[in-house]
Amino acid sequence: MYILKDILIELKYLPIALAAGILIGGVLLVFSRNRRRTFLSILCIIYFVMIFIITIFEREPGSRTGISLTLFETLGGPHDNAYVIENILLFIPFGFLVPKMWKCLRRIPVCVFAGFCLSLTIEITQLLTQRGHFQVDDILMNTIGAGVGALFGLFRFRKSNEYG
């Protein structure tokens, strides 16, 4: 129940992400001959705008501080466990969208490492701006999400030879 409630709360930012995707996508459409790639670009823009709003910009600067370097420290009650699952869900789209855009990320280990790097960047940004706790659990769960998404992409798009 917590997961659905939290997802519905975050959907309020979707119009901002859609507007950014459509605006930038419209410019790309004018200059691009590849409509399919432009559509994927729009999806990626929407996804990344949502990620950065949810993880950084919706929080007040200085509102959260702290570092947790203990694995599985966030596991506990139902709400804490929901956050763990939400961190996985947040990065599943990364795992199947990004490799469709950039061929260099089509190998699963490379895609998972890129997901790890993005998650680490988010955690460092949260720490420096005090907009979130730096938690290794978040990095691990986000990385798992990227891996799940990459596996989904591999099996889903394997027939079309779009994944290596």
N, C-alpha and C. Protein backbone atom coordinates (compact mmCIF):
# COMPACT_ATOMS: atom_id res chain seq x y z
N MET A 1 0.82 -1.20 0.00
CA MET A 1 0.00 0.00 0.00
C MET A 1 0.87 1.27 0.00
N TYR A 2 1.96 1.23 0.79
CA TYR A 2 2.85 2.39 0.85
C TYR A 2 3.43 2.71 -0.52
N ILE A 3 3.79 1.67 -1.26
CA ILE A 3 4.44 1.87 -2.56
C ILE A 3 3.50 2.59 -3.51
N LEU A 4 2.27 2.13 -3.61
CA LEU A 4 1.29 2.75 -4.50
C LEU A 4 1.03 4.20 -4.09
N LYS A 5 0.89 4.42 -2.80
CA LYS A 5 0.65 5.78 -2.29
C LYS A 5 1.82 6.70 -2.65
N ASP A 6 3.05 6.22 -2.44
CA ASP A 6 4.23 7.03 -2.74
C ASP A 6 4.34 7.32 -4.24
N ILE A 7 4.04 6.32 -5.07
CA ILE A 7 4.10 6.52 -6.53
C ILE A 7 3.07 7.57 -6.96
N LEU A 8 1.87 7.48 -6.41
CA LEU A 8 0.83 8.45 -6.77
C LEU A 8 1.23 9.87 -6.36
N ILE A 9 1.90 10.00 -5.23
CA ILE A 9 2.37 11.32 -4.79
C ILE A 9 3.38 11.89 -5.78
N GLU A 10 4.29 11.05 -6.25
CA GLU A 10 5.34 11.51 -7.17
C GLU A 10 4.80 11.83 -8.57
N LEU A 11 3.66 11.28 -8.92
CA LEU A 11 3.09 11.54 -10.24
C LEU A 11 2.71 13.00 -10.45
N LYS A 12 2.63 13.77 -9.37
CA LYS A 12 2.31 15.19 -9.52
C LYS A 12 3.39 15.93 -10.32
N TYR A 13 4.59 15.34 -10.40
CA TYR A 13 5.68 15.97 -11.15
C TYR A 13 5.69 15.56 -12.62
N LEU A 14 4.85 14.63 -12.99
CA LEU A 14 4.83 14.15 -14.37
C LEU A 14 4.55 15.26 -15.39
N PRO A 15 3.63 16.19 -15.12
CA PRO A 15 3.43 17.27 -16.11
C PRO A 15 4.69 18.09 -16.39
N ILE A 16 5.51 18.32 -15.38
CA ILE A 16 6.76 19.06 -15.57
C ILE A 16 7.70 18.24 -16.47
N ALA A 17 7.81 16.95 -16.17
CA ALA A 17 8.68 16.08 -16.96
C ALA A 17 8.17 15.96 -18.39
N LEU A 18 6.86 15.84 -18.55
CA LEU A 18 6.28 15.76 -19.90
C LEU A 18 6.54 17.03 -20.68
N ALA A 19 6.38 18.17 -20.02
CA ALA A 19 6.62 19.45 -20.70
C ALA A 19 8.08 19.55 -21.15
N ALA A 20 9.01 19.16 -20.28
CA ALA A 20 10.43 19.19 -20.65
C ALA A 20 10.69 18.24 -21.81
N GLY A 21 10.13 17.05 -21.74
CA GLY A 21 10.32 16.07 -22.81
C GLY A 21 9.76 16.53 -24.13
N ILE A 22 8.57 17.10 -24.10
CA ILE A 22 7.93 17.57 -25.33
C ILE A 22 8.67 18.78 -25.90
N LEU A 23 9.07 19.70 -25.03
CA LEU A 23 9.79 20.90 -25.49
C LEU A 23 11.13 20.52 -26.14
N ILE A 24 11.93 19.76 -25.43
CA ILE A 24 13.22 19.37 -25.98
C ILE A 24 13.03 18.40 -27.14
N GLY A 25 12.06 17.51 -27.01
CA GLY A 25 11.76 16.57 -28.10
C GLY A 25 11.31 17.27 -29.36
N GLY A 26 10.55 18.36 -29.20
CA GLY A 26 10.11 19.13 -30.36
C GLY A 26 11.28 19.72 -31.11
N VAL A 27 12.25 20.23 -30.37
CA VAL A 27 13.46 20.76 -31.00
C VAL A 27 14.21 19.63 -31.70
N LEU A 28 14.32 18.49 -31.04
CA LEU A 28 15.01 17.34 -31.66
C LEU A 28 14.30 16.88 -32.93
N LEU A 29 12.98 16.92 -32.91
CA LEU A 29 12.21 16.50 -34.09
C LEU A 29 12.53 17.35 -35.30
N VAL A 30 12.72 18.65 -35.07
CA VAL A 30 13.02 19.56 -36.16
C VAL A 30 14.35 19.20 -36.82
N PHE A 31 15.32 18.82 -36.00
CA PHE A 31 16.67 18.58 -36.51
C PHE A 31 17.01 17.11 -36.75
N SER A 32 16.13 16.22 -36.37
CA SER A 32 16.43 14.79 -36.49
C SER A 32 15.64 14.14 -37.61
N ARG A 33 16.28 13.21 -38.26
CA ARG A 33 15.59 12.44 -39.29
C ARG A 33 15.08 11.12 -38.73
N ASN A 34 15.58 10.74 -37.59
CA ASN A 34 15.23 9.45 -36.99
C ASN A 34 14.12 9.66 -35.95
N ARG A 35 12.89 9.46 -36.35
CA ARG A 35 11.74 9.70 -35.46
C ARG A 35 11.75 8.74 -34.27
N ARG A 36 12.14 7.50 -34.50
CA ARG A 36 12.16 6.51 -33.42
C ARG A 36 13.15 6.92 -32.34
N ARG A 37 14.32 7.35 -32.76
CA ARG A 37 15.33 7.78 -31.79
C ARG A 37 14.87 9.04 -31.06
N THR A 38 14.18 9.92 -31.75
CA THR A 38 13.65 11.12 -31.11
C THR A 38 12.63 10.74 -30.04
N PHE A 39 11.77 9.77 -30.35
CA PHE A 39 10.79 9.30 -29.37
C PHE A 39 11.50 8.72 -28.14
N LEU A 40 12.53 7.93 -28.36
CA LEU A 40 13.30 7.39 -27.24
C LEU A 40 13.98 8.51 -26.44
N SER A 41 14.45 9.53 -27.14
CA SER A 41 15.06 10.69 -26.46
C SER A 41 14.04 11.37 -25.56
N ILE A 42 12.83 11.54 -26.05
CA ILE A 42 11.77 12.16 -25.26
C ILE A 42 11.49 11.33 -24.01
N LEU A 43 11.39 10.02 -24.16
CA LEU A 43 11.16 9.14 -23.01
C LEU A 43 12.30 9.25 -22.00
N CYS A 44 13.53 9.30 -22.48
CA CYS A 44 14.69 9.44 -21.58
C CYS A 44 14.66 10.78 -20.85
N ILE A 45 14.33 11.84 -21.56
CA ILE A 45 14.26 13.16 -20.93
C ILE A 45 13.20 13.15 -19.83
N ILE A 46 12.03 12.63 -20.14
CA ILE A 46 10.95 12.55 -19.14
C ILE A 46 11.42 11.75 -17.93
N TYR A 47 12.05 10.61 -18.17
CA TYR A 47 12.53 9.75 -17.09
C TYR A 47 13.56 10.47 -16.23
N PHE A 48 14.57 11.08 -16.85
CA PHE A 48 15.63 11.73 -16.08
C PHE A 48 15.12 12.97 -15.32
N VAL A 49 14.20 13.71 -15.91
CA VAL A 49 13.61 14.84 -15.20
C VAL A 49 12.88 14.34 -13.96
N MET A 50 12.09 13.28 -14.12
CA MET A 50 11.38 12.70 -12.97
C MET A 50 12.36 12.24 -11.89
N ILE A 51 13.42 11.56 -12.30
CA ILE A 51 14.42 11.06 -11.33
C ILE A 51 15.00 12.22 -10.52
N PHE A 52 15.42 13.27 -11.20
CA PHE A 52 16.07 14.36 -10.49
C PHE A 52 15.10 15.18 -9.65
N ILE A 53 13.86 15.31 -10.09
CA ILE A 53 12.87 15.99 -9.25
C ILE A 53 12.62 15.18 -7.99
N ILE A 54 12.37 13.88 -8.16
CA ILE A 54 12.03 13.01 -7.03
C ILE A 54 13.18 12.90 -6.04
N THR A 55 14.39 12.74 -6.53
CA THR A 55 15.51 12.46 -5.63
C THR A 55 16.22 13.70 -5.09
N ILE A 56 16.06 14.82 -5.78
CA ILE A 56 16.81 16.01 -5.36
C ILE A 56 15.94 17.25 -5.21
N PHE A 57 15.27 17.65 -6.27
CA PHE A 57 14.66 18.98 -6.30
C PHE A 57 13.38 19.12 -5.49
N GLU A 58 12.70 18.03 -5.16
CA GLU A 58 11.47 18.18 -4.37
C GLU A 58 11.79 18.37 -2.89
N ARG A 59 13.02 18.22 -2.52
CA ARG A 59 13.43 18.33 -1.13
C ARG A 59 14.07 19.69 -0.86
N GLU A 60 13.82 20.21 0.32
CA GLU A 60 14.40 21.50 0.70
C GLU A 60 15.90 21.35 0.96
N PRO A 61 16.72 22.31 0.48
CA PRO A 61 18.15 22.26 0.79
C PRO A 61 18.36 22.32 2.31
N GLY A 62 19.24 21.48 2.80
CA GLY A 62 19.54 21.46 4.23
C GLY A 62 18.54 20.68 5.06
N SER A 63 17.54 20.07 4.42
CA SER A 63 16.49 19.38 5.18
C SER A 63 16.87 17.98 5.63
N ARG A 64 17.87 17.40 5.00
CA ARG A 64 18.26 16.02 5.33
C ARG A 64 19.78 15.92 5.33
N THR A 65 20.30 15.34 6.37
CA THR A 65 21.74 15.13 6.45
C THR A 65 22.01 13.72 6.95
N GLY A 66 23.20 13.27 6.73
CA GLY A 66 23.60 11.98 7.28
C GLY A 66 24.16 11.05 6.24
N ILE A 67 24.96 10.12 6.72
CA ILE A 67 25.58 9.12 5.87
C ILE A 67 25.34 7.76 6.50
N SER A 68 24.87 6.82 5.70
CA SER A 68 24.70 5.44 6.16
C SER A 68 25.51 4.53 5.25
N LEU A 69 26.56 3.97 5.80
CA LEU A 69 27.42 3.07 5.04
C LEU A 69 27.17 1.60 5.41
N THR A 70 26.12 1.35 6.17
CA THR A 70 25.77 0.00 6.60
C THR A 70 24.75 -0.59 5.65
N LEU A 71 25.10 -1.72 5.05
CA LEU A 71 24.16 -2.38 4.13
C LEU A 71 22.93 -2.88 4.88
N PHE A 72 21.79 -2.72 4.26
CA PHE A 72 20.49 -3.18 4.75
C PHE A 72 20.05 -2.48 6.02
N GLU A 73 20.62 -1.33 6.30
CA GLU A 73 20.23 -0.56 7.48
C GLU A 73 18.82 -0.01 7.33
N THR A 74 18.39 0.23 6.10
CA THR A 74 17.07 0.82 5.89
C THR A 74 15.95 -0.21 5.97
N LEU A 75 16.28 -1.50 5.99
CA LEU A 75 15.23 -2.51 6.12
C LEU A 75 14.67 -2.47 7.54
N GLY A 76 13.38 -2.69 7.64
CA GLY A 76 12.77 -2.65 8.96
C GLY A 76 11.26 -2.76 8.86
N GLY A 77 10.60 -1.65 9.13
CA GLY A 77 9.15 -1.63 9.09
C GLY A 77 8.61 -1.61 7.67
N PRO A 78 7.30 -1.69 7.55
CA PRO A 78 6.67 -1.73 6.22
C PRO A 78 7.01 -0.52 5.35
N HIS A 79 7.05 0.66 5.94
CA HIS A 79 7.34 1.86 5.16
C HIS A 79 8.80 1.87 4.71
N ASP A 80 9.71 1.45 5.58
CA ASP A 80 11.13 1.36 5.20
C ASP A 80 11.33 0.35 4.09
N ASN A 81 10.67 -0.79 4.20
CA ASN A 81 10.78 -1.81 3.15
C ASN A 81 10.19 -1.32 1.84
N ALA A 82 9.15 -0.50 1.92
CA ALA A 82 8.57 0.09 0.70
C ALA A 82 9.59 0.99 0.01
N TYR A 83 10.34 1.76 0.80
CA TYR A 83 11.38 2.62 0.21
C TYR A 83 12.42 1.80 -0.54
N VAL A 84 12.77 0.65 0.02
CA VAL A 84 13.75 -0.22 -0.63
C VAL A 84 13.21 -0.68 -1.99
N ILE A 85 11.97 -1.12 -2.02
CA ILE A 85 11.35 -1.57 -3.27
C ILE A 85 11.23 -0.41 -4.25
N GLU A 86 10.86 0.77 -3.75
CA GLU A 86 10.73 1.95 -4.61
C GLU A 86 12.07 2.32 -5.25
N ASN A 87 13.16 2.15 -4.51
CA ASN A 87 14.49 2.42 -5.09
C ASN A 87 14.80 1.47 -6.23
N ILE A 88 14.38 0.23 -6.12
CA ILE A 88 14.56 -0.72 -7.22
C ILE A 88 13.69 -0.30 -8.40
N LEU A 89 12.42 -0.01 -8.14
CA LEU A 89 11.49 0.37 -9.20
C LEU A 89 11.94 1.63 -9.94
N LEU A 90 12.54 2.56 -9.21
CA LEU A 90 12.96 3.83 -9.79
C LEU A 90 13.99 3.65 -10.91
N PHE A 91 14.81 2.61 -10.82
CA PHE A 91 15.88 2.44 -11.79
C PHE A 91 15.61 1.36 -12.83
N ILE A 92 14.49 0.67 -12.75
CA ILE A 92 14.17 -0.32 -13.78
C ILE A 92 14.06 0.34 -15.15
N PRO A 93 13.39 1.49 -15.29
CA PRO A 93 13.35 2.13 -16.61
C PRO A 93 14.74 2.49 -17.14
N PHE A 94 15.65 2.85 -16.25
CA PHE A 94 17.02 3.14 -16.68
C PHE A 94 17.61 1.94 -17.41
N GLY A 95 17.41 0.76 -16.85
CA GLY A 95 18.00 -0.45 -17.40
C GLY A 95 17.52 -0.83 -18.78
N PHE A 96 16.27 -0.45 -19.13
CA PHE A 96 15.84 -0.81 -20.48
C PHE A 96 15.75 0.38 -21.43
N LEU A 97 15.67 1.60 -20.92
CA LEU A 97 15.62 2.77 -21.81
C LEU A 97 17.00 3.18 -22.31
N VAL A 98 17.93 3.30 -21.39
CA VAL A 98 19.25 3.83 -21.73
C VAL A 98 19.98 2.96 -22.76
N PRO A 99 19.96 1.63 -22.64
CA PRO A 99 20.62 0.82 -23.68
C PRO A 99 19.98 0.95 -25.05
N LYS A 100 18.70 1.29 -25.10
CA LYS A 100 18.05 1.50 -26.39
C LYS A 100 18.57 2.78 -27.05
N MET A 101 19.01 3.72 -26.23
CA MET A 101 19.52 5.00 -26.74
C MET A 101 21.00 4.93 -27.11
N TRP A 102 21.79 4.29 -26.27
CA TRP A 102 23.23 4.27 -26.46
C TRP A 102 23.73 2.84 -26.56
N LYS A 103 24.25 2.50 -27.73
CA LYS A 103 24.72 1.13 -27.98
C LYS A 103 25.82 0.70 -27.01
N CYS A 104 26.64 1.64 -26.58
CA CYS A 104 27.75 1.29 -25.69
C CYS A 104 27.25 0.76 -24.34
N LEU A 105 25.98 0.97 -24.02
CA LEU A 105 25.43 0.51 -22.74
C LEU A 105 24.56 -0.74 -22.89
N ARG A 106 24.64 -1.41 -24.01
CA ARG A 106 23.78 -2.57 -24.25
C ARG A 106 24.25 -3.85 -23.56
N ARG A 107 25.49 -3.89 -23.17
CA ARG A 107 25.94 -5.05 -22.40
C ARG A 107 25.48 -4.85 -20.96
N ILE A 108 24.90 -5.88 -20.39
CA ILE A 108 24.29 -5.76 -19.06
C ILE A 108 25.27 -5.24 -18.01
N PRO A 109 26.49 -5.75 -17.90
CA PRO A 109 27.39 -5.22 -16.88
C PRO A 109 27.68 -3.72 -17.06
N VAL A 110 27.78 -3.29 -18.29
CA VAL A 110 28.06 -1.87 -18.56
C VAL A 110 26.84 -1.02 -18.17
N CYS A 111 25.66 -1.49 -18.51
CA CYS A 111 24.43 -0.78 -18.16
C CYS A 111 24.26 -0.71 -16.64
N VAL A 112 24.51 -1.82 -15.96
CA VAL A 112 24.40 -1.85 -14.50
C VAL A 112 25.41 -0.89 -13.87
N PHE A 113 26.63 -0.86 -14.41
CA PHE A 113 27.64 0.06 -13.89
C PHE A 113 27.20 1.51 -14.11
N ALA A 114 26.60 1.80 -15.26
CA ALA A 114 26.10 3.16 -15.52
C ALA A 114 25.00 3.52 -14.53
N GLY A 115 24.13 2.56 -14.22
CA GLY A 115 23.09 2.78 -13.20
C GLY A 115 23.70 3.05 -11.84
N PHE A 116 24.74 2.29 -11.51
CA PHE A 116 25.47 2.52 -10.26
C PHE A 116 26.04 3.93 -10.22
N CYS A 117 26.66 4.36 -11.32
CA CYS A 117 27.27 5.70 -11.39
C CYS A 117 26.22 6.79 -11.23
N LEU A 118 25.06 6.63 -11.89
CA LEU A 118 23.99 7.62 -11.74
C LEU A 118 23.51 7.65 -10.29
N SER A 119 23.31 6.49 -9.70
CA SER A 119 22.85 6.43 -8.32
C SER A 119 23.87 7.07 -7.37
N LEU A 120 25.14 6.78 -7.57
CA LEU A 120 26.19 7.38 -6.75
C LEU A 120 26.20 8.90 -6.91
N THR A 121 26.01 9.37 -8.13
CA THR A 121 25.94 10.82 -8.39
C THR A 121 24.78 11.45 -7.63
N ILE A 122 23.63 10.78 -7.65
CA ILE A 122 22.46 11.29 -6.93
C ILE A 122 22.75 11.34 -5.43
N GLU A 123 23.32 10.27 -4.90
CA GLU A 123 23.60 10.22 -3.46
C GLU A 123 24.61 11.29 -3.04
N ILE A 124 25.64 11.50 -3.85
CA ILE A 124 26.63 12.54 -3.54
C ILE A 124 25.98 13.92 -3.62
N THR A 125 25.14 14.13 -4.62
CA THR A 125 24.43 15.41 -4.74
C THR A 125 23.52 15.63 -3.54
N GLN A 126 22.81 14.59 -3.12
CA GLN A 126 21.96 14.71 -1.93
C GLN A 126 22.79 15.06 -0.70
N LEU A 127 23.94 14.43 -0.57
CA LEU A 127 24.81 14.69 0.58
C LEU A 127 25.32 16.13 0.57
N LEU A 128 25.81 16.58 -0.58
CA LEU A 128 26.39 17.92 -0.67
C LEU A 128 25.36 19.02 -0.51
N THR A 129 24.16 18.79 -1.00
CA THR A 129 23.10 19.80 -0.91
C THR A 129 22.22 19.60 0.32
N GLN A 130 22.49 18.56 1.07
CA GLN A 130 21.70 18.18 2.24
C GLN A 130 20.22 18.02 1.89
N ARG A 131 19.98 17.43 0.73
CA ARG A 131 18.61 17.15 0.28
C ARG A 131 18.28 15.66 0.41
N GLY A 132 19.13 14.93 1.08
CA GLY A 132 18.90 13.51 1.26
C GLY A 132 20.06 12.87 2.00
N HIS A 133 19.78 11.74 2.59
CA HIS A 133 20.82 10.99 3.28
C HIS A 133 21.62 10.19 2.26
N PHE A 134 22.91 10.16 2.42
CA PHE A 134 23.76 9.32 1.57
C PHE A 134 23.65 7.91 2.14
N GLN A 135 23.04 7.00 1.37
CA GLN A 135 22.82 5.64 1.86
C GLN A 135 23.32 4.62 0.84
N VAL A 136 24.18 3.72 1.30
CA VAL A 136 24.64 2.68 0.40
C VAL A 136 23.50 1.75 0.01
N ASP A 137 22.49 1.64 0.87
CA ASP A 137 21.31 0.84 0.51
C ASP A 137 20.64 1.38 -0.75
N ASP A 138 20.52 2.70 -0.83
CA ASP A 138 19.91 3.31 -2.02
C ASP A 138 20.73 2.98 -3.27
N ILE A 139 22.04 3.09 -3.16
CA ILE A 139 22.91 2.79 -4.30
C ILE A 139 22.75 1.33 -4.72
N LEU A 140 22.75 0.44 -3.75
CA LEU A 140 22.61 -0.99 -4.06
C LEU A 140 21.25 -1.28 -4.71
N MET A 141 20.18 -0.75 -4.14
CA MET A 141 18.85 -1.02 -4.67
C MET A 141 18.65 -0.39 -6.06
N ASN A 142 19.16 0.82 -6.24
CA ASN A 142 19.09 1.45 -7.57
C ASN A 142 19.85 0.63 -8.60
N THR A 143 21.02 0.13 -8.21
CA THR A 143 21.83 -0.68 -9.11
C THR A 143 21.12 -1.98 -9.45
N ILE A 144 20.49 -2.59 -8.47
CA ILE A 144 19.69 -3.80 -8.73
C ILE A 144 18.57 -3.47 -9.71
N GLY A 145 17.91 -2.32 -9.51
CA GLY A 145 16.85 -1.91 -10.43
C GLY A 145 17.35 -1.75 -11.85
N ALA A 146 18.52 -1.15 -12.01
CA ALA A 146 19.10 -1.01 -13.35
C ALA A 146 19.37 -2.38 -13.96
N GLY A 147 19.84 -3.31 -13.14
CA GLY A 147 20.08 -4.67 -13.62
C GLY A 147 18.80 -5.38 -14.02
N VAL A 148 17.76 -5.23 -13.23
CA VAL A 148 16.46 -5.84 -13.56
C VAL A 148 15.95 -5.25 -14.87
N GLY A 149 16.05 -3.94 -15.02
CA GLY A 149 15.62 -3.29 -16.27
C GLY A 149 16.42 -3.75 -17.47
N ALA A 150 17.73 -3.90 -17.27
CA ALA A 150 18.59 -4.37 -18.37
C ALA A 150 18.24 -5.79 -18.77
N LEU A 151 17.97 -6.64 -17.79
CA LEU A 151 17.55 -8.02 -18.10
C LEU A 151 16.22 -8.03 -18.82
N PHE A 152 15.30 -7.19 -18.36
CA PHE A 152 14.01 -7.08 -19.04
C PHE A 152 14.22 -6.65 -20.48
N GLY A 153 15.05 -5.64 -20.68
CA GLY A 153 15.34 -5.16 -22.03
C GLY A 153 15.98 -6.23 -22.89
N LEU A 154 16.89 -6.99 -22.29
CA LEU A 154 17.57 -8.06 -23.03
C LEU A 154 16.56 -9.09 -23.53
N PHE A 155 15.68 -9.54 -22.65
CA PHE A 155 14.72 -10.56 -23.04
C PHE A 155 13.60 -10.00 -23.91
N ARG A 156 13.21 -8.78 -23.64
CA ARG A 156 12.12 -8.16 -24.40
C ARG A 156 12.53 -7.83 -25.83
N PHE A 157 13.75 -7.33 -25.99
CA PHE A 157 14.19 -6.84 -27.30
C PHE A 157 15.18 -7.78 -27.98
N ARG A 158 15.39 -8.94 -27.39
CA ARG A 158 16.37 -9.89 -27.94
C ARG A 158 16.04 -10.27 -29.38
N LYS A 159 14.77 -10.48 -29.66
CA LYS A 159 14.34 -10.90 -30.99
C LYS A 159 14.68 -9.87 -32.06
N SER A 160 14.70 -8.61 -31.68
CA SER A 160 14.95 -7.57 -32.68
C SER A 160 16.44 -7.24 -32.80
N ASN A 161 17.29 -7.96 -32.08
CA ASN A 161 18.75 -7.76 -32.12
C ASN A 161 19.16 -6.35 -31.71
N GLU A 162 18.37 -5.70 -30.87
CA GLU A 162 18.72 -4.35 -30.45
C GLU A 162 19.56 -4.35 -29.18
N TYR A 163 19.69 -5.50 -28.56
CA TYR A 163 20.54 -5.62 -27.38
C TYR A 163 21.65 -6.59 -27.71
N GLY A 164 22.83 -6.32 -27.17
CA GLY A 164 23.96 -7.21 -27.42
C GLY A 164 24.16 -8.20 -26.32
